[in-house]
């Protein structure tokens, strides 16, 4: 393999066990949208099923259909909502949908579409969802039309992974608003806690499910979670080694100059694979347990690193290179990105490899 993303399923299962310890009698909705944050939605879903998870959430209709067509029979919710012309397919594939518009509720009823819906409630995210004045209109319409397909209610916490007192008060207020929702007897699923909520606010809500996203990989916000294990390792190999015969500018833009006699290794990964271009001449990769500096601009399919003088005789073509691993969070901060952006940005051409060790 040229470049690959290694997923440690043993550590994934360990982290799910830690989550179960925190959530009491609540159940898990596994968030596998965006190809399960880049780790492979089908494979991660199957691993979560082994852990007792029987409910999953995606962002789009196509993501839900992909799971169905690979044999996933468990409950699936499309968190991002759907357009009216997608509702029939959602019904066909037995996918539940987020509902945020009163006119779509009417459309579902008028056209006798038997799709199961979760009401998205606006509590302070400012993205999707009914405000509380609209909720009363929805309740009235559901009752008057004897609708049975409104089976869930949820909202999203916007700063549950932020520690300030102001953000904590904001989150508690969101939870209080959600807890006040009642009045539709057909609702079976109530969920508000996301990754940050699970870690800091479990027990404060009246939900019966929690939404487990990036927390299952040992990360929340821009930090590692104490007591959890790392799941992700983004790897490549040394493709070429060059000893400079003169002072030389490295890569596009002549942004780095190395001296005669210094050794440069070219790595078989670039920004098209998902290695970010930021932090020019500051970020490192791991070769033989050592941090080696990335020099010059990262190319589309390759990057170059300077090999320390005392490693020159030991490195060779084909050596494994850890691009992001246990240092993922720190590197994300260094390049001005986020862990979410980095792992979801790893290109599909990068093979996903699942290990249990």
Protein backbone atom coordinates (compact mmCIF):
# COMPACT_ATOMS: atom_id res chain seq x y z
CA UNK A 1 0.00 0.00 0.00
CA UNK A 2 1.11 3.52 -0.77
CA UNK A 3 -0.91 5.47 1.80
CA UNK A 4 -3.52 4.17 4.22
CA UNK A 5 -5.66 5.03 7.22
CA UNK A 6 -5.34 2.51 10.01
CA UNK A 7 -8.37 2.10 12.30
CA UNK A 8 -7.88 0.27 15.58
CA UNK A 9 -11.18 -1.51 16.19
CA UNK A 10 -10.09 -2.83 19.59
CA UNK A 11 -9.61 0.73 20.82
CA UNK A 12 -12.91 1.73 19.20
CA UNK A 13 -14.74 -0.95 21.19
CA UNK A 14 -12.92 0.12 24.35
CA UNK A 15 -14.11 3.71 23.86
CA UNK A 16 -17.70 2.58 23.28
CA UNK A 17 -17.48 0.72 26.59
CA UNK A 18 -16.36 3.94 28.30
CA UNK A 19 -19.31 5.76 26.75
CA UNK A 20 -21.76 3.15 28.03
CA UNK A 21 -20.35 3.77 31.52
CA UNK A 22 -21.23 7.45 31.22
CA UNK A 23 -24.75 7.29 29.79
CA UNK A 24 -26.50 4.98 32.25
CA UNK A 25 -29.68 3.45 30.85
CA UNK A 26 -29.65 5.55 27.69
CA UNK A 27 -28.95 3.93 24.33
CA UNK A 28 -26.57 4.97 21.57
CA UNK A 29 -27.21 6.45 18.15
CA UNK A 30 -23.97 5.91 16.27
CA UNK A 31 -23.13 8.93 14.10
CA UNK A 32 -21.65 7.53 10.90
CA UNK A 33 -22.17 10.50 8.60
CA UNK A 34 -19.41 11.74 6.27
CA UNK A 35 -18.14 8.19 5.83
CA UNK A 36 -18.10 7.87 9.61
CA UNK A 37 -15.88 10.95 9.98
CA UNK A 38 -13.67 9.54 7.24
CA UNK A 39 -13.05 6.13 8.82
CA UNK A 40 -15.50 4.12 6.69
CA UNK A 41 -19.23 4.18 7.43
CA UNK A 42 -20.04 0.57 6.57
CA UNK A 43 -17.14 -0.93 8.52
CA UNK A 44 -17.60 1.34 11.56
CA UNK A 45 -21.34 0.64 11.59
CA UNK A 46 -20.67 -3.10 11.64
CA UNK A 47 -18.19 -2.69 14.49
CA UNK A 48 -20.72 -0.65 16.48
CA UNK A 49 -23.39 -3.31 15.94
CA UNK A 50 -21.02 -5.75 17.64
CA UNK A 51 -21.04 -3.34 20.60
CA UNK A 52 -24.85 -3.45 20.88
CA UNK A 53 -25.64 -0.28 18.92
CA UNK A 54 -28.90 -0.65 16.98
CA UNK A 55 -29.52 2.92 15.78
CA UNK A 56 -27.41 5.02 13.42
CA UNK A 57 -27.48 8.51 11.94
CA UNK A 58 -26.20 9.89 8.66
CA UNK A 59 -26.33 13.33 7.05
CA UNK A 60 -27.82 12.57 3.64
CA UNK A 61 -30.18 10.23 1.82
CA UNK A 62 -27.32 8.73 -0.21
CA UNK A 63 -25.41 7.87 2.96
CA UNK A 64 -28.45 6.05 4.33
CA UNK A 65 -29.01 4.15 1.10
CA UNK A 66 -25.35 3.07 1.08
CA UNK A 67 -25.78 1.44 4.49
CA UNK A 68 -29.01 -0.28 3.45
CA UNK A 69 -27.47 -1.61 0.24
CA UNK A 70 -24.59 -3.13 2.19
CA UNK A 71 -26.96 -5.09 4.41
CA UNK A 72 -27.40 -2.81 7.43
CA UNK A 73 -30.93 -3.45 8.75
CA UNK A 74 -30.80 -1.40 11.95
CA UNK A 75 -32.61 1.93 12.42
CA UNK A 76 -31.11 4.83 10.44
CA UNK A 77 -31.92 8.53 10.82
CA UNK A 78 -31.03 11.18 8.23
CA UNK A 79 -29.98 14.00 10.55
CA UNK A 80 -29.47 16.53 7.77
CA UNK A 81 -33.06 16.30 6.61
CA UNK A 82 -34.19 15.64 3.04
CA UNK A 83 -35.82 17.53 0.20
CA UNK A 84 -39.44 16.78 -0.68
CA UNK A 85 -38.47 14.79 -3.77
CA UNK A 86 -36.30 12.50 -1.61
CA UNK A 87 -39.05 11.51 0.82
CA UNK A 88 -40.33 8.58 -1.24
CA UNK A 89 -36.86 7.07 -1.37
CA UNK A 90 -36.45 7.58 2.37
CA UNK A 91 -39.70 5.65 2.84
CA UNK A 92 -38.61 2.96 0.36
CA UNK A 93 -35.35 2.33 2.22
CA UNK A 94 -36.96 2.56 5.68
CA UNK A 95 -34.92 5.60 6.62
CA UNK A 96 -36.11 7.98 9.31
CA UNK A 97 -35.80 11.70 8.56
CA UNK A 98 -35.28 14.93 10.44
CA UNK A 99 -38.22 17.29 10.04
CA UNK A 100 -37.70 21.06 10.31
CA UNK A 101 -40.39 22.59 8.09
CA UNK A 102 -44.13 22.78 8.61
CA UNK A 103 -44.78 22.73 4.86
CA UNK A 104 -42.87 19.44 4.61
CA UNK A 105 -45.01 17.98 7.38
CA UNK A 106 -48.08 18.97 5.33
CA UNK A 107 -46.50 17.51 2.18
CA UNK A 108 -45.91 14.18 3.92
CA UNK A 109 -49.49 14.07 5.17
CA UNK A 110 -51.17 15.17 1.92
CA UNK A 111 -49.17 12.66 -0.14
CA UNK A 112 -49.61 9.84 2.38
CA UNK A 113 -45.85 9.25 2.68
CA UNK A 114 -45.27 6.82 5.53
CA UNK A 115 -41.79 8.02 6.41
CA UNK A 116 -40.89 8.14 10.10
CA UNK A 117 -39.86 11.58 11.34
CA UNK A 118 -37.88 13.15 14.17
CA UNK A 119 -38.81 16.75 14.94
CA UNK A 120 -35.75 18.98 14.99
CA UNK A 121 -36.19 21.62 17.69
CA UNK A 122 -34.31 24.93 17.64
CA UNK A 123 -32.80 25.57 21.07
CA UNK A 124 -29.87 27.80 20.16
CA UNK A 125 -27.81 26.27 17.35
CA UNK A 126 -29.31 28.50 14.67
CA UNK A 127 -29.15 25.87 11.98
CA UNK A 128 -32.30 23.79 11.47
CA UNK A 129 -35.35 23.11 13.58
CA UNK A 130 -38.74 24.42 14.65
CA UNK A 131 -38.75 27.28 17.13
CA UNK A 132 -41.06 26.80 20.09
CA UNK A 133 -43.88 28.90 18.61
CA UNK A 134 -43.85 26.65 15.53
CA UNK A 135 -43.79 23.54 17.71
CA UNK A 136 -47.25 24.35 19.04
CA UNK A 137 -48.53 24.57 15.47
CA UNK A 138 -46.93 21.20 14.70
CA UNK A 139 -48.50 19.58 17.75
CA UNK A 140 -51.92 20.84 16.75
CA UNK A 141 -51.53 19.61 13.17
CA UNK A 142 -50.30 16.18 14.27
CA UNK A 143 -53.24 15.78 16.65
CA UNK A 144 -55.88 17.03 14.19
CA UNK A 145 -54.62 14.70 11.44
CA UNK A 146 -53.94 11.76 13.76
CA UNK A 147 -50.40 11.39 12.40
CA UNK A 148 -48.50 8.38 13.70
CA UNK A 149 -45.17 8.87 11.97
CA UNK A 150 -43.71 11.53 14.32
CA UNK A 151 -41.60 9.18 16.41
CA UNK A 152 -38.67 11.29 17.60
CA UNK A 153 -37.58 14.70 18.84
CA UNK A 154 -34.08 16.11 19.08
CA UNK A 155 -31.95 19.22 19.17
CA UNK A 156 -28.25 19.95 18.90
CA UNK A 157 -25.90 21.44 21.49
CA UNK A 158 -23.62 24.07 19.98
CA UNK A 159 -20.98 24.58 22.71
CA UNK A 160 -21.15 21.44 24.84
CA UNK A 161 -17.42 20.89 24.28
CA UNK A 162 -16.49 24.42 25.43
CA UNK A 163 -15.47 24.88 29.07
CA UNK A 164 -16.23 28.51 29.89
CA UNK A 165 -18.93 29.35 32.42
CA UNK A 166 -20.82 31.34 29.78
CA UNK A 167 -20.90 28.37 27.39
CA UNK A 168 -21.84 25.98 30.17
CA UNK A 169 -24.81 28.17 31.10
CA UNK A 170 -25.79 28.38 27.43
CA UNK A 171 -25.73 24.58 27.13
CA UNK A 172 -27.74 24.08 30.30
CA UNK A 173 -30.35 26.49 28.93
CA UNK A 174 -30.52 24.48 25.70
CA UNK A 175 -31.08 21.30 27.71
CA UNK A 176 -33.84 22.94 29.77
CA UNK A 177 -35.64 24.04 26.60
CA UNK A 178 -35.43 20.52 25.21
CA UNK A 179 -36.61 18.94 28.45
CA UNK A 180 -39.76 21.08 28.30
CA UNK A 181 -40.90 19.50 25.05
CA UNK A 182 -43.99 17.30 25.39
CA UNK A 183 -47.37 16.78 23.80
CA UNK A 184 -46.91 14.21 21.02
CA UNK A 185 -47.73 10.73 22.27
CA UNK A 186 -46.14 8.85 19.36
CA UNK A 187 -42.60 9.99 20.17
CA UNK A 188 -40.33 7.10 21.17
CA UNK A 189 -36.90 8.64 20.72
CA UNK A 190 -35.58 11.73 22.50
CA UNK A 191 -31.96 12.78 21.95
CA UNK A 192 -29.96 15.91 22.67
CA UNK A 193 -26.53 14.85 23.96
CA UNK A 194 -23.76 14.88 21.37
CA UNK A 195 -20.11 13.98 22.05
CA UNK A 196 -19.47 16.99 24.28
CA UNK A 197 -22.84 16.59 25.96
CA UNK A 198 -22.14 12.95 26.82
CA UNK A 199 -18.89 13.86 28.55
CA UNK A 200 -20.11 16.88 30.50
CA UNK A 201 -23.91 16.86 30.81
CA UNK A 202 -25.07 13.25 31.12
CA UNK A 203 -28.04 12.98 33.45
CA UNK A 204 -29.19 16.57 32.98
CA UNK A 205 -31.47 15.80 30.02
CA UNK A 206 -34.60 13.67 29.74
CA UNK A 207 -33.48 11.94 26.54
CA UNK A 208 -33.40 8.18 26.15
CA UNK A 209 -30.72 8.13 23.42
CA UNK A 210 -27.39 9.91 22.96
CA UNK A 211 -25.61 10.66 19.67
CA UNK A 212 -22.09 9.27 19.67
CA UNK A 213 -19.85 10.90 17.07
CA UNK A 214 -16.17 11.77 17.24
CA UNK A 215 -16.06 10.83 20.92
CA UNK A 216 -15.89 7.16 19.88
CA UNK A 217 -12.45 7.88 18.39
CA UNK A 218 -11.12 9.30 21.66
CA UNK A 219 -11.48 12.94 20.62
CA UNK A 220 -13.89 15.72 21.57
CA UNK A 221 -13.66 19.27 20.40
CA UNK A 222 -9.94 19.81 19.87
CA UNK A 223 -8.70 17.58 22.68
CA UNK A 224 -7.98 13.97 23.49
CA UNK A 225 -10.39 12.54 26.07
CA UNK A 226 -8.73 11.38 29.26
CA UNK A 227 -9.18 7.63 29.73
CA UNK A 228 -10.09 6.99 26.07
CA UNK A 229 -7.83 5.46 23.45
CA UNK A 230 -6.66 6.69 20.05
CA UNK A 231 -8.27 4.87 17.12
CA UNK A 232 -6.74 6.60 14.08
CA UNK A 233 -3.33 6.41 12.43
CA UNK A 234 -2.76 7.93 8.98
CA UNK A 235 0.27 6.29 7.34
CA UNK A 236 2.37 6.30 4.20
CA UNK A 237 5.82 5.17 3.02
CA UNK A 238 9.11 6.66 1.89
CA UNK A 239 9.03 6.74 -1.91
CA UNK A 240 12.45 8.24 -2.68
CA UNK A 241 15.59 9.40 -0.84
CA UNK A 242 17.90 12.13 -2.14
CA UNK A 243 21.22 13.43 -0.82
CA UNK A 244 21.59 17.00 -2.04
CA UNK A 245 24.68 17.62 -4.16
CA UNK A 246 24.28 21.38 -3.79
CA UNK A 247 22.19 23.88 -1.88
CA UNK A 248 18.67 23.39 -3.19
CA UNK A 249 15.19 24.93 -2.98
CA UNK A 250 12.56 22.35 -2.03
CA UNK A 251 9.11 22.04 -3.62
CA UNK A 252 6.79 24.66 -5.12
CA UNK A 253 7.36 28.32 -4.41
CA UNK A 254 10.97 27.86 -3.23
CA UNK A 255 9.69 28.19 0.33
CA UNK A 256 12.52 26.15 1.85
CA UNK A 257 16.22 25.88 1.05
CA UNK A 258 18.37 22.99 2.31
CA UNK A 259 22.15 22.70 2.29
CA UNK A 260 24.47 20.53 0.25
CA UNK A 261 24.80 17.09 1.86
CA UNK A 262 21.44 17.16 3.63
CA UNK A 263 19.11 14.23 3.00
CA UNK A 264 15.50 14.58 1.83
CA UNK A 265 12.96 11.75 1.83
CA UNK A 266 9.94 12.01 -0.45
CA UNK A 267 6.79 10.53 1.10
CA UNK A 268 4.02 8.96 -1.02
CA UNK A 269 1.23 11.21 0.30
CA UNK A 270 0.10 14.76 -0.34
CA UNK A 271 -2.77 17.15 0.14
CA UNK A 272 -4.97 15.14 -2.24
CA UNK A 273 -4.68 12.27 0.25
CA UNK A 274 -5.60 14.53 3.15
CA UNK A 275 -2.28 15.79 4.51
CA UNK A 276 -2.84 19.49 5.07
CA UNK A 277 -0.61 22.18 3.61
CA UNK A 278 -0.59 24.41 6.68
CA UNK A 279 2.28 25.23 9.09
CA UNK A 280 4.90 25.45 6.35
CA UNK A 281 8.29 24.13 7.52
CA UNK A 282 6.92 23.54 11.05
CA UNK A 283 4.95 20.28 10.99
CA UNK A 284 6.60 16.85 11.35
CA UNK A 285 5.92 13.21 10.53
CA UNK A 286 7.06 10.14 12.42
CA UNK A 287 9.74 7.92 10.88
CA UNK A 288 11.32 5.16 12.97
CA UNK A 289 9.90 6.77 16.10
CA UNK A 290 11.48 10.15 15.33
CA UNK A 291 9.80 13.40 14.34
CA UNK A 292 11.10 14.50 10.93
CA UNK A 293 10.38 18.00 9.62
CA UNK A 294 8.22 18.45 6.52
CA UNK A 295 10.11 20.85 4.26
CA UNK A 296 8.70 23.02 1.50
CA UNK A 297 5.11 23.05 0.36
CA UNK A 298 3.14 19.81 0.48
CA UNK A 299 2.39 18.66 -3.10
CA UNK A 300 -0.81 17.04 -4.35
CA UNK A 301 0.55 13.49 -4.17
CA UNK A 302 3.86 13.79 -2.31
CA UNK A 303 5.59 15.63 0.51
CA UNK A 304 9.23 15.97 1.44
CA UNK A 305 10.91 15.65 4.83
CA UNK A 306 14.39 16.41 6.06
CA UNK A 307 16.09 13.34 7.54
CA UNK A 308 18.12 14.08 10.70
CA UNK A 309 21.84 13.47 10.26
CA UNK A 310 21.94 10.59 12.75
CA UNK A 311 19.16 8.75 10.85
CA UNK A 312 20.66 8.99 7.38
CA UNK A 313 22.17 5.49 7.42
CA UNK A 314 19.03 3.77 8.77
CA UNK A 315 16.18 5.12 6.63
CA UNK A 316 15.30 3.32 3.42
CA UNK A 317 12.73 3.35 0.66
CA UNK A 318 9.50 1.66 1.83
CA UNK A 319 9.90 2.67 5.49
CA UNK A 320 6.58 3.35 7.20
CA UNK A 321 5.72 6.98 7.94
CA UNK A 322 3.06 8.05 10.45
CA UNK A 323 1.51 11.25 9.10
CA UNK A 324 -1.08 11.71 11.87
CA UNK A 325 -1.39 9.46 14.90
CA UNK A 326 -1.36 10.16 18.61
CA UNK A 327 -0.27 13.68 17.69
CA UNK A 328 -3.39 14.37 15.57
CA UNK A 329 -4.90 16.92 17.95
CA UNK A 330 -1.65 18.82 18.37
CA UNK A 331 -1.02 18.89 14.62
CA UNK A 332 -4.53 20.14 13.94
CA UNK A 333 -3.89 23.10 16.23
CA UNK A 334 -0.47 23.73 14.68
CA UNK A 335 -1.85 24.03 11.15
CA UNK A 336 -4.90 26.06 12.21
CA UNK A 337 -7.35 23.29 11.34
CA UNK A 338 -9.50 20.95 13.41
CA UNK A 339 -9.46 17.22 14.07
CA UNK A 340 -12.90 16.96 12.43
CA UNK A 341 -11.70 18.67 9.27
CA UNK A 342 -8.53 16.60 9.05
CA UNK A 343 -10.00 13.12 9.40
CA UNK A 344 -13.08 13.78 7.27
CA UNK A 345 -10.75 15.24 4.63
CA UNK A 346 -8.76 12.04 4.11
CA UNK A 347 -9.40 11.16 0.46
CA UNK A 348 -11.38 8.02 -0.51
CA UNK A 349 -8.36 6.87 -2.54
CA UNK A 350 -6.62 6.25 0.79
CA UNK A 351 -7.26 2.66 1.78
CA UNK A 352 -8.91 2.09 5.16
CA UNK A 353 -7.32 -0.79 7.09
CA UNK A 354 -9.02 -2.23 10.18
CA UNK A 355 -6.83 -3.82 12.81
CA UNK A 356 -7.49 -5.27 16.26
CA UNK A 357 -4.36 -5.28 18.35
